[in-house]
Amino acid sequence: MIVLQTNAPSDWAMFFGHFHPVVVHLPIGMLMIAAILELISRKKGLTSLQPAIAPILFVGMITAVISCIFGYLLSSSGEYNEETLFLHQWMGIGVALVALAAWYMKVNWQQDPTMKKAYMPAVYLIVILLTGTGHLGGNMTHGEDYLYAYTPEPFRSIAGLPPRTKGGTGARKKIENINEALVYQDIVAPVMEQKCWSCHNANKIKGGLRMDTQALLIKGGENGAIIKANDAANSELIKRLLLPEEDEHHMPPKGKTPLSEQEISLLHWWIQNGAGFDKKVAQLKPDEKVKPFLASLSSGVETNNTSGGESISPVFNEKVSAAAESDIQKLTAMNVVVLSVSKEQHFLDVNFVNARTFDDSKINLLTNLSDQIIWLKLGSTKITDKSLAEISKLKHLTRLHLEHTAITDVGLAQLKDLKFLEYINLFDTQISDAGIKELAKLKNLKKVYCWQTKVTKQGVLALQKALPNVEVNIGWEDKIPTNDTNKVNTQKVVAK
């Protein structure tokens, strides 16, 4: 057995080792071509192909040796299952040795009738070893089910494979009753399987971490636990996901499909709520970022009463066309972050966190996206009431951030037709009771943040009289008397 290095491999070793996946395709191609030419050249009239076989075998043998060397260097990382690696390595070495023997026989033994008989079995053995080596390499890189994961019916049943219920882009099975779904098993695990398990499974254990079983996921890797229950912000898993993509510690690494913002929010929500494996959706309270993801997984049976009575916005029952890429590029060129809210639908989250100089003169850039934008974050930009006339055209808008802007009551009155609006952040603006009064026309409104504004308790109570279910955060220390039927949220919390 080849013994793996116990010390950390050198940078040089890993540098050349990472060329193994590149180099390994050359001997595969060369040796398979040699085998094919050998078979077809034995037919009448094709003997002219024979002179090409020996040189091809020689190149295949040399590149197989180089591939073995690079493969050994890559194995020194210690990231692979030792049993699978052992078989893969020795079968790869076998390919190189049998290719050497086949080349030697082709060049020197073709005139000897007895020795010539060993040549074709060697060619067949090369093909067998190549197939086995490649299969094991694929298992270590992509998982054991890589070759047959997408086997269609009826071949799946004939082969005795279980029905395919998850995995693959867009292949997530719809959940009939989202409230009864197990958060980890039905929602979190499929995301990890799709985006994380290829590097952290039984055959490839990158960083000493396996994520394909619950116990090993909680145990963590060579640097310790990656999940801190109830503390998502300090969990290494979340930290790695949020690093810039160019950072060498960003997960998943370059070349792998990154997790979407929604998927990261899902993991954050799960960890923040205890990272349990037996909790149902109905037992946890989803935040606003998780609700659309849950809605995209639901077959629609229970989306009106998800998790403790909080409903998923009816906007997700609307169907809209995809936004024009040119309209999105106009915003991204200004450092505006434009993200898809759901894979199943074409709704967008538009965030101006990196475009603080954005002002009224450019607000018309949102017009062509009026159907698709449902989350809009304009906090700390230079917009004024003039911009709210255009924002009022975003007919599917559900969340609106206007904190730290120059908007006033006059502008707020223009939002009366946003029938899907559920959340508005007015923190540190010039809004008063007159503006809050205008919000009473928004029948789906659920949360209002107006700390450090001119809004009074009387204004809040008037709004809550019109909208009994609205939650208002105004940040006062003193509270409305308990005999009032409507209560004001008095925590000094700035909305996210």
Protein backbone atom coordinates (compact mmCIF):
# COMPACT_ATOMS: atom_id res chain seq x y z
CA MET A 1 0.00 0.00 0.00
CA ILE A 2 1.22 3.52 -0.75
CA VAL A 3 1.61 5.38 2.52
CA LEU A 4 0.25 8.92 2.55
CA GLN A 5 2.45 11.70 3.89
CA THR A 6 1.55 12.69 7.41
CA ASN A 7 3.13 16.12 7.17
CA ALA A 8 1.62 18.93 5.15
CA PRO A 9 2.75 18.68 1.51
CA SER A 10 4.96 21.39 0.10
CA ASP A 11 3.60 24.05 -2.22
CA TRP A 12 5.65 22.54 -5.07
CA ALA A 13 4.10 19.13 -4.51
CA MET A 14 0.58 20.54 -4.57
CA PHE A 15 1.39 22.79 -7.54
CA PHE A 16 2.32 19.83 -9.74
CA GLY A 17 -0.26 17.58 -8.11
CA HIS A 18 -3.06 19.86 -9.25
CA PHE A 19 -2.00 19.17 -12.86
CA HIS A 20 -3.01 15.51 -12.46
CA PRO A 21 -6.61 16.05 -13.67
CA VAL A 22 -5.21 17.85 -16.74
CA VAL A 23 -2.44 15.37 -17.62
CA VAL A 24 -4.50 12.23 -16.93
CA HIS A 25 -6.69 12.73 -20.00
CA LEU A 26 -3.74 12.43 -22.37
CA PRO A 27 -2.83 8.77 -21.62
CA ILE A 28 -6.52 7.87 -21.56
CA GLY A 29 -7.00 9.27 -25.05
CA MET A 30 -3.74 7.90 -26.45
CA LEU A 31 -4.09 4.37 -25.13
CA MET A 32 -7.76 4.10 -26.12
CA ILE A 33 -6.88 5.27 -29.65
CA ALA A 34 -4.09 2.67 -29.81
CA ALA A 35 -6.53 -0.07 -28.77
CA ILE A 36 -9.13 1.03 -31.32
CA LEU A 37 -6.56 1.25 -34.13
CA GLU A 38 -5.26 -2.21 -33.24
CA LEU A 39 -8.73 -3.68 -33.54
CA ILE A 40 -9.80 -2.02 -36.79
CA SER A 41 -6.40 -2.37 -38.48
CA ARG A 42 -6.77 -6.15 -38.37
CA LYS A 43 -9.59 -5.94 -40.85
CA LYS A 44 -8.73 -6.47 -44.47
CA GLY A 45 -7.54 -3.35 -46.22
CA LEU A 46 -6.74 -1.37 -43.05
CA THR A 47 -3.29 -2.77 -42.28
CA SER A 48 -1.77 0.58 -43.27
CA LEU A 49 -2.79 1.83 -39.80
CA GLN A 50 -0.38 -0.54 -38.05
CA PRO A 51 2.76 1.68 -38.16
CA ALA A 52 0.97 4.39 -36.15
CA ILE A 53 0.14 2.13 -33.19
CA ALA A 54 3.59 1.75 -31.61
CA PRO A 55 4.30 5.51 -31.39
CA ILE A 56 0.84 6.12 -29.91
CA LEU A 57 1.40 3.39 -27.33
CA PHE A 58 4.75 4.94 -26.44
CA VAL A 59 3.28 8.44 -25.92
CA GLY A 60 0.41 6.93 -23.92
CA MET A 61 2.85 5.04 -21.70
CA ILE A 62 5.06 8.09 -21.05
CA THR A 63 2.10 10.33 -20.21
CA ALA A 64 0.65 7.59 -17.98
CA VAL A 65 3.91 7.61 -15.97
CA ILE A 66 3.78 11.42 -15.66
CA SER A 67 0.14 11.21 -14.62
CA CYS A 68 1.03 8.68 -11.90
CA ILE A 69 3.71 11.01 -10.52
CA PHE A 70 1.36 14.00 -10.46
CA GLY A 71 -1.37 11.82 -8.96
CA TYR A 72 0.93 10.73 -6.13
CA LEU A 73 1.77 14.36 -5.37
CA LEU A 74 -1.94 15.23 -5.31
CA SER A 75 -2.66 12.33 -2.95
CA SER A 76 -0.22 13.81 -0.42
CA SER A 77 -2.89 16.36 0.51
CA GLY A 78 -4.60 13.62 2.54
CA GLU A 79 -8.02 14.66 1.25
CA TYR A 80 -9.05 11.32 -0.22
CA ASN A 81 -10.42 8.06 1.14
CA GLU A 82 -7.40 5.78 1.59
CA GLU A 83 -9.06 2.58 0.40
CA THR A 84 -10.38 4.09 -2.82
CA LEU A 85 -7.12 5.98 -3.33
CA PHE A 86 -5.11 2.79 -2.87
CA LEU A 87 -7.02 1.00 -5.64
CA HIS A 88 -6.99 4.05 -7.91
CA GLN A 89 -3.23 4.54 -7.56
CA TRP A 90 -2.26 0.93 -8.17
CA MET A 91 -4.62 0.56 -11.11
CA GLY A 92 -3.09 3.74 -12.57
CA ILE A 93 0.40 2.31 -12.08
CA GLY A 94 -0.87 -0.88 -13.69
CA VAL A 95 -1.97 1.11 -16.77
CA ALA A 96 1.53 2.57 -17.13
CA LEU A 97 3.28 -0.83 -16.69
CA VAL A 98 0.97 -2.74 -19.04
CA ALA A 99 1.25 0.07 -21.62
CA LEU A 100 5.05 -0.25 -21.41
CA ALA A 101 4.79 -4.00 -21.90
CA ALA A 102 2.36 -3.64 -24.83
CA TRP A 103 4.63 -1.10 -26.54
CA TYR A 104 7.68 -3.37 -26.09
CA MET A 105 5.78 -6.37 -27.49
CA LYS A 106 4.52 -4.32 -30.42
CA VAL A 107 8.03 -3.24 -31.33
CA ASN A 108 10.00 -6.44 -30.62
CA TRP A 109 7.73 -9.50 -30.51
CA GLN A 110 5.50 -9.24 -33.55
CA GLN A 111 7.67 -11.69 -35.49
CA ASP A 112 7.62 -14.33 -32.76
CA PRO A 113 4.38 -16.39 -33.08
CA THR A 114 4.49 -17.52 -29.44
CA MET A 115 5.27 -14.19 -27.79
CA LYS A 116 2.90 -12.39 -30.16
CA LYS A 117 -0.05 -14.12 -28.46
CA ALA A 118 0.48 -12.06 -25.28
CA TYR A 119 0.11 -8.74 -27.09
CA MET A 120 -3.66 -8.51 -27.60
CA PRO A 121 -4.50 -9.60 -24.02
CA ALA A 122 -2.24 -6.74 -22.88
CA VAL A 123 -4.20 -4.31 -25.07
CA TYR A 124 -7.50 -5.56 -23.60
CA LEU A 125 -6.05 -5.28 -20.08
CA ILE A 126 -5.11 -1.65 -20.75
CA VAL A 127 -8.73 -0.86 -21.63
CA ILE A 128 -10.02 -2.62 -18.50
CA LEU A 129 -7.52 -0.87 -16.21
CA LEU A 130 -8.24 2.53 -17.79
CA THR A 131 -11.96 2.05 -17.20
CA GLY A 132 -11.51 1.02 -13.57
CA THR A 133 -8.97 3.74 -12.80
CA GLY A 134 -11.14 6.43 -14.35
CA HIS A 135 -14.22 5.23 -12.48
CA LEU A 136 -12.44 5.32 -9.12
CA GLY A 137 -11.00 8.76 -9.89
CA GLY A 138 -14.48 10.01 -10.71
CA ASN A 139 -15.79 8.58 -7.45
CA MET A 140 -13.17 10.46 -5.45
CA THR A 141 -13.76 13.71 -7.27
CA HIS A 142 -17.52 13.74 -7.80
CA GLY A 143 -18.96 11.10 -5.46
CA GLU A 144 -19.73 7.40 -5.76
CA ASP A 145 -22.98 7.89 -7.66
CA TYR A 146 -21.51 10.24 -10.27
CA LEU A 147 -21.88 7.81 -13.20
CA TYR A 148 -25.39 6.63 -12.46
CA ALA A 149 -26.95 9.55 -10.53
CA TYR A 150 -29.03 10.67 -13.54
CA THR A 151 -29.95 7.22 -14.87
CA PRO A 152 -33.44 7.61 -16.42
CA GLU A 153 -36.34 5.23 -16.15
CA PRO A 154 -36.92 2.41 -16.98
CA PHE A 155 -33.18 1.66 -16.75
CA ARG A 156 -33.09 2.98 -13.19
CA SER A 157 -35.60 0.39 -11.99
CA ILE A 158 -33.96 -2.40 -14.01
CA ALA A 159 -30.62 -1.62 -12.35
CA GLY A 160 -32.24 -1.61 -8.91
CA LEU A 161 -31.46 2.06 -8.28
CA PRO A 162 -33.71 4.06 -5.94
CA PRO A 163 -35.97 6.77 -7.43
CA ARG A 164 -34.16 10.05 -7.99
CA THR A 165 -35.82 12.65 -5.75
CA LYS A 166 -33.18 15.32 -5.40
CA GLY A 167 -29.88 16.65 -6.71
CA GLY A 168 -29.05 18.33 -9.97
CA THR A 169 -29.79 21.87 -11.02
CA GLY A 170 -33.49 22.53 -10.99
CA ALA A 171 -34.21 18.92 -9.99
CA ARG A 172 -35.38 19.56 -6.43
CA LYS A 173 -38.55 17.68 -5.68
CA LYS A 174 -41.49 19.85 -4.72
CA ILE A 175 -42.57 19.53 -1.09
CA GLU A 176 -46.32 19.03 -0.75
CA ASN A 177 -46.58 20.41 2.79
CA ILE A 178 -43.69 22.76 3.49
CA ASN A 179 -44.68 23.11 7.15
CA GLU A 180 -44.16 19.39 7.79
CA ALA A 181 -40.82 19.21 5.96
CA LEU A 182 -37.74 18.47 8.04
CA VAL A 183 -35.53 21.54 7.75
CA TYR A 184 -32.22 19.69 7.50
CA GLN A 185 -33.18 16.51 5.69
CA ASP A 186 -35.60 17.99 3.15
CA ILE A 187 -34.20 21.49 2.64
CA VAL A 188 -30.65 22.01 3.95
CA ALA A 189 -29.10 18.65 3.06
CA PRO A 190 -30.04 18.83 -0.66
CA VAL A 191 -28.26 22.21 -0.89
CA MET A 192 -25.14 20.77 0.76
CA GLU A 193 -25.31 17.68 -1.43
CA GLN A 194 -25.39 19.83 -4.54
CA LYS A 195 -22.77 22.41 -3.54
CA CYS A 196 -20.57 20.88 -0.80
CA TRP A 197 -20.48 17.11 -0.81
CA SER A 198 -18.31 16.74 -3.91
CA CYS A 199 -15.33 17.97 -1.85
CA HIS A 200 -16.41 16.65 1.55
CA ASN A 201 -17.57 13.05 1.19
CA ALA A 202 -16.40 9.56 2.07
CA ASN A 203 -13.95 9.46 -0.85
CA LYS A 204 -12.73 13.05 -0.81
CA ILE A 205 -12.24 14.61 2.61
CA LYS A 206 -10.94 18.10 1.87
CA GLY A 207 -9.61 19.81 4.98
CA GLY A 208 -10.37 16.69 7.00
CA LEU A 209 -14.07 17.58 6.72
CA ARG A 210 -16.96 15.36 5.75
CA MET A 211 -20.40 16.89 5.32
CA ASP A 212 -22.35 13.92 4.01
CA THR A 213 -23.31 12.59 7.44
CA GLN A 214 -24.87 14.50 10.32
CA ALA A 215 -22.35 13.39 12.94
CA LEU A 216 -19.30 14.29 10.84
CA LEU A 217 -20.82 17.61 9.77
CA ILE A 218 -21.14 18.64 13.41
CA LYS A 219 -17.69 17.24 14.25
CA GLY A 220 -16.02 19.52 11.71
CA GLY A 221 -12.62 19.24 10.04
CA GLU A 222 -8.95 19.57 10.81
CA ASN A 223 -9.48 23.13 12.09
CA GLY A 224 -12.37 22.21 14.36
CA ALA A 225 -16.13 22.64 14.20
CA ILE A 226 -17.60 24.62 11.30
CA ILE A 227 -21.02 25.09 12.91
CA LYS A 228 -21.80 26.92 16.14
CA ALA A 229 -25.44 26.31 16.95
CA ASN A 230 -27.41 29.52 17.54
CA ASP A 231 -24.40 31.59 16.41
CA ALA A 232 -24.37 31.65 12.61
CA ALA A 233 -22.21 34.79 12.38
CA ASN A 234 -19.33 33.06 14.15
CA SER A 235 -19.75 29.70 12.41
CA GLU A 236 -16.82 28.92 10.15
CA LEU A 237 -19.17 27.54 7.50
CA ILE A 238 -20.93 30.89 7.09
CA LYS A 239 -17.67 32.85 7.31
CA ARG A 240 -16.16 30.84 4.44
CA LEU A 241 -19.27 31.21 2.30
CA LEU A 242 -19.23 35.00 2.72
CA LEU A 243 -15.55 35.52 1.86
CA PRO A 244 -14.79 37.23 -1.47
CA GLU A 245 -14.64 34.67 -4.27
CA GLU A 246 -11.02 35.53 -4.96
CA ASP A 247 -10.04 34.62 -1.38
CA GLU A 248 -8.28 31.24 -1.28
CA HIS A 249 -10.39 30.21 1.72
CA HIS A 250 -13.73 30.97 0.03
CA MET A 251 -16.03 27.99 -0.17
CA PRO A 252 -16.77 26.43 -2.49
CA PRO A 253 -13.45 27.01 -4.31
CA LYS A 254 -13.13 28.55 -7.75
CA GLY A 255 -14.45 26.30 -10.46
CA LYS A 256 -17.31 25.04 -8.27
CA THR A 257 -20.83 26.46 -8.40
CA PRO A 258 -21.15 28.92 -5.49
CA LEU A 259 -24.12 28.99 -3.17
CA SER A 260 -26.71 31.61 -4.00
CA GLU A 261 -27.54 34.36 -1.53
CA GLN A 262 -30.78 32.53 -0.75
CA GLU A 263 -28.97 29.29 -0.03
CA ILE A 264 -26.53 31.06 2.27
CA SER A 265 -29.48 32.71 4.03
CA LEU A 266 -31.03 29.27 4.43
CA LEU A 267 -27.91 27.87 6.13
CA HIS A 268 -27.64 31.01 8.29
CA TRP A 269 -31.28 30.59 9.38
CA TRP A 270 -30.85 26.89 10.15
CA ILE A 271 -27.69 27.44 12.23
CA GLN A 272 -29.12 30.48 14.01
CA ASN A 273 -32.08 28.35 15.07
CA GLY A 274 -29.95 25.62 16.62
CA ALA A 275 -28.70 23.61 13.61
CA GLY A 276 -30.97 20.73 14.61
CA PHE A 277 -31.63 17.66 12.50
CA ASP A 278 -35.13 16.83 13.69
CA LYS A 279 -36.95 20.18 13.47
CA LYS A 280 -39.76 20.80 11.03
CA VAL A 281 -40.28 24.08 9.20
CA ALA A 282 -43.39 24.69 11.29
CA GLN A 283 -41.25 24.64 14.45
CA LEU A 284 -38.87 27.37 13.25
CA LYS A 285 -39.66 30.95 12.34
CA PRO A 286 -38.32 31.77 8.86
CA ASP A 287 -37.00 35.25 8.24
CA GLU A 288 -37.85 37.33 5.19
CA LYS A 289 -34.91 36.04 3.17
CA VAL A 290 -35.82 32.39 3.72
CA LYS A 291 -39.53 32.64 2.90
CA PRO A 292 -39.08 32.93 -0.90
CA PHE A 293 -36.77 29.91 -0.90
CA LEU A 294 -39.35 27.88 1.01
CA ALA A 295 -42.02 29.11 -1.38
CA SER A 296 -39.98 27.92 -4.37
CA LEU A 297 -39.80 24.41 -2.87
CA SER A 298 -43.46 24.21 -1.94
CA SER A 299 -46.07 22.68 -4.19
CA GLY A 300 -48.36 25.41 -2.93
CA VAL A 301 -50.47 23.48 -0.43
CA GLU A 302 -49.37 25.30 2.72
CA THR A 303 -47.68 28.51 1.56
CA ASN A 304 -50.37 30.68 3.09
CA ASN A 305 -49.60 29.57 6.64
CA THR A 306 -45.90 28.85 6.92
CA SER A 307 -44.19 28.53 10.28
CA GLY A 308 -46.27 29.77 13.14
CA GLY A 309 -48.81 31.70 11.15
CA GLU A 310 -46.44 33.91 9.12
CA SER A 311 -47.51 33.84 5.50
CA ILE A 312 -45.32 33.76 2.46
CA SER A 313 -46.03 36.76 0.27
CA PRO A 314 -48.76 36.26 -2.33
CA VAL A 315 -46.42 37.91 -4.83
CA PHE A 316 -44.88 34.47 -5.36
CA ASN A 317 -48.09 33.36 -7.01
CA GLU A 318 -47.49 35.95 -9.73
CA LYS A 319 -45.76 34.97 -12.97
CA VAL A 320 -43.34 37.40 -14.60
CA SER A 321 -40.99 37.15 -17.55
CA ALA A 322 -37.23 37.23 -17.18
CA ALA A 323 -35.57 40.65 -17.06
CA ALA A 324 -33.51 41.78 -20.03
CA GLU A 325 -29.83 41.23 -19.35
CA SER A 326 -29.03 44.67 -20.76
CA ASP A 327 -31.23 46.34 -18.12
CA ILE A 328 -29.49 44.42 -15.34
CA GLN A 329 -26.05 45.29 -16.73
CA LYS A 330 -26.86 49.00 -16.60
CA LEU A 331 -27.24 48.65 -12.84
CA THR A 332 -24.33 46.30 -12.21
CA ALA A 333 -22.08 48.72 -14.12
CA MET A 334 -22.78 51.16 -11.27
CA ASN A 335 -21.80 48.54 -8.64
CA VAL A 336 -25.44 47.79 -7.84
CA VAL A 337 -25.91 44.22 -6.61
CA VAL A 338 -28.66 42.45 -8.56
CA LEU A 339 -29.50 38.94 -7.40
CA SER A 340 -32.13 36.39 -8.27
CA VAL A 341 -34.58 35.80 -5.43
CA SER A 342 -35.74 32.38 -6.60
CA LYS A 343 -34.59 29.81 -9.14
CA GLU A 344 -38.19 28.99 -9.91
CA GLN A 345 -39.21 32.57 -10.72
CA HIS A 346 -37.70 35.71 -12.22
CA PHE A 347 -37.96 38.05 -9.23
CA LEU A 348 -34.97 40.22 -8.32
CA ASP A 349 -33.31 41.66 -5.23
CA VAL A 350 -31.68 45.02 -6.09
CA ASN A 351 -29.23 46.36 -3.51
CA PHE A 352 -27.45 49.75 -3.70
CA VAL A 353 -25.09 49.03 -0.80
CA ASN A 354 -22.10 49.69 -3.06
CA ALA A 355 -23.70 52.56 -4.98
CA ARG A 356 -24.22 55.25 -2.34
CA THR A 357 -23.98 58.10 -4.87
CA PHE A 358 -27.09 56.90 -6.69
CA ASP A 359 -29.62 59.75 -7.03
CA ASP A 360 -32.89 60.83 -8.64
CA SER A 361 -31.29 61.33 -12.05
CA LYS A 362 -30.73 57.60 -12.47
CA ILE A 363 -33.89 56.19 -10.88
CA ASN A 364 -35.44 55.52 -14.31
CA LEU A 365 -32.97 52.62 -14.65
CA LEU A 366 -35.43 50.66 -12.50
CA THR A 367 -38.39 51.24 -14.81
CA ASN A 368 -37.72 48.34 -17.19
CA LEU A 369 -37.42 46.03 -14.17
CA SER A 370 -40.75 47.08 -12.65
CA ASP A 371 -42.20 43.57 -12.96
CA GLN A 372 -39.18 41.72 -11.57
CA ILE A 373 -37.99 43.79 -8.57
CA ILE A 374 -39.54 42.62 -5.30
CA TRP A 375 -36.77 43.66 -2.88
CA LEU A 376 -35.24 47.12 -3.20
CA LYS A 377 -32.53 48.47 -0.88
CA LEU A 378 -31.86 52.18 -1.41
CA GLY A 379 -30.63 52.95 2.10
CA SER A 380 -27.98 55.71 2.41
CA THR A 381 -28.30 56.75 -1.24
CA LYS A 382 -28.93 60.32 -2.51
CA ILE A 383 -32.54 59.79 -3.58
CA THR A 384 -35.35 62.19 -2.65
CA ASP A 385 -39.13 62.23 -3.01
CA LYS A 386 -38.73 62.51 -6.79
CA SER A 387 -37.50 58.91 -6.93
CA LEU A 388 -40.55 57.54 -5.14
CA ALA A 389 -42.73 58.28 -8.15
CA GLU A 390 -40.70 55.72 -10.13
CA ILE A 391 -40.53 53.30 -7.21
CA SER A 392 -44.32 53.32 -7.07
CA LYS A 393 -44.27 51.63 -10.49
CA LEU A 394 -42.55 48.54 -9.08
CA LYS A 395 -45.86 46.74 -8.78
CA HIS A 396 -44.50 43.55 -7.20
CA LEU A 397 -42.36 45.25 -4.56
CA THR A 398 -42.55 43.56 -1.13
CA ARG A 399 -39.54 45.01 0.74
CA LEU A 400 -38.31 48.60 0.53
CA HIS A 401 -35.32 50.10 2.34
CA LEU A 402 -35.25 53.91 2.46
CA GLU A 403 -33.26 54.41 5.67
CA HIS A 404 -30.81 57.35 5.83
CA THR A 405 -32.32 59.08 2.78
CA ALA A 406 -33.92 62.51 2.23
CA ILE A 407 -37.45 61.24 1.62
CA THR A 408 -40.41 62.99 3.29
CA ASP A 409 -44.13 62.52 3.82
CA VAL A 410 -44.80 63.89 0.33
CA GLY A 411 -42.84 61.07 -1.29
CA LEU A 412 -44.30 58.39 0.94
CA ALA A 413 -47.81 59.24 -0.23
CA GLN A 414 -46.83 58.08 -3.73
CA LEU A 415 -46.45 54.47 -2.63
CA LYS A 416 -50.17 53.87 -2.04
CA ASP A 417 -50.54 51.50 -5.01
CA LEU A 418 -47.85 49.01 -3.93
CA LYS A 419 -50.34 46.32 -3.01
CA PHE A 420 -47.70 43.67 -2.21
CA LEU A 421 -45.52 45.85 0.03
CA GLU A 422 -44.96 44.12 3.38
CA TYR A 423 -41.86 45.81 4.80
CA ILE A 424 -40.58 49.38 4.75
CA ASN A 425 -37.56 50.83 6.54
CA LEU A 426 -37.77 54.59 7.19
CA PHE A 427 -35.06 54.81 9.86
CA ASP A 428 -33.40 58.24 10.14
CA THR A 429 -35.66 60.04 7.63
CA GLN A 430 -37.94 63.10 7.84
CA ILE A 431 -41.13 61.03 7.97
CA SER A 432 -43.82 62.20 10.40
CA ASP A 433 -47.30 61.08 11.43
CA ALA A 434 -48.67 62.42 8.15
CA GLY A 435 -46.46 60.05 6.19
CA ILE A 436 -47.24 57.10 8.44
CA LYS A 437 -50.93 57.79 7.87
CA GLU A 438 -50.38 57.21 4.13
CA LEU A 439 -49.07 53.72 4.86
CA ALA A 440 -52.54 52.70 6.05
CA LYS A 441 -53.46 52.28 2.39
CA LEU A 442 -50.97 49.39 2.06
CA LYS A 443 -53.17 46.50 3.20
CA ASN A 444 -50.40 43.85 3.13
CA LEU A 445 -47.98 45.90 5.23
CA LYS A 446 -46.53 43.89 8.14
CA LYS A 447 -43.41 45.70 9.38
CA VAL A 448 -42.43 49.38 9.58
CA TYR A 449 -39.15 50.71 10.96
CA CYS A 450 -39.28 54.41 11.78
CA TRP A 451 -36.80 54.92 14.59
CA GLN A 452 -35.20 58.39 14.67
CA THR A 453 -38.02 60.00 12.67
CA LYS A 454 -40.73 62.53 13.56
CA VAL A 455 -43.30 59.80 14.05
CA THR A 456 -45.16 59.93 17.39
CA LYS A 457 -46.90 57.29 19.44
CA GLN A 458 -50.24 58.70 18.36
CA GLY A 459 -49.26 58.28 14.70
CA VAL A 460 -48.30 54.66 15.28
CA LEU A 461 -51.54 53.88 17.09
CA ALA A 462 -53.52 55.43 14.26
CA LEU A 463 -51.68 53.23 11.77
CA GLN A 464 -52.24 50.13 13.88
CA LYS A 465 -55.92 50.93 14.15
CA ALA A 466 -56.13 50.85 10.36
CA LEU A 467 -53.76 47.85 10.06
CA PRO A 468 -54.15 45.76 13.24
CA ASN A 469 -51.45 43.25 12.26
CA VAL A 470 -48.70 45.73 11.44
CA GLU A 471 -45.56 45.72 13.62
CA VAL A 472 -43.95 49.12 14.14
CA ASN A 473 -40.47 49.72 15.56
CA ILE A 474 -39.97 53.27 16.82
CA GLY A 475 -37.23 52.78 19.42
CA TRP A 476 -38.76 54.51 22.41
CA GLU A 477 -37.84 53.50 25.94
CA ASP A 478 -41.34 54.11 27.35
CA LYS A 479 -44.22 51.88 26.27
CA ILE A 480 -47.86 52.19 25.41
CA PRO A 481 -49.99 51.24 28.44
CA THR A 482 -50.81 47.53 28.54
CA ASN A 483 -54.56 48.15 28.45
CA ASP A 484 -54.17 49.38 24.86
CA THR A 485 -55.18 46.68 22.43
CA ASN A 486 -52.50 47.78 19.97
CA LYS A 487 -48.88 47.59 21.08
CA VAL A 488 -45.84 49.35 19.71
CA ASN A 489 -42.52 47.52 19.39
CA THR A 490 -40.21 49.64 21.56
CA GLN A 491 -36.90 47.85 21.13
CA LYS A 492 -34.03 49.96 19.92
CA VAL A 493 -33.25 47.72 17.00
CA VAL A 494 -32.28 49.00 13.60
CA ALA A 495 -33.75 46.77 10.90
CA LYS A 496 -31.44 44.71 8.79
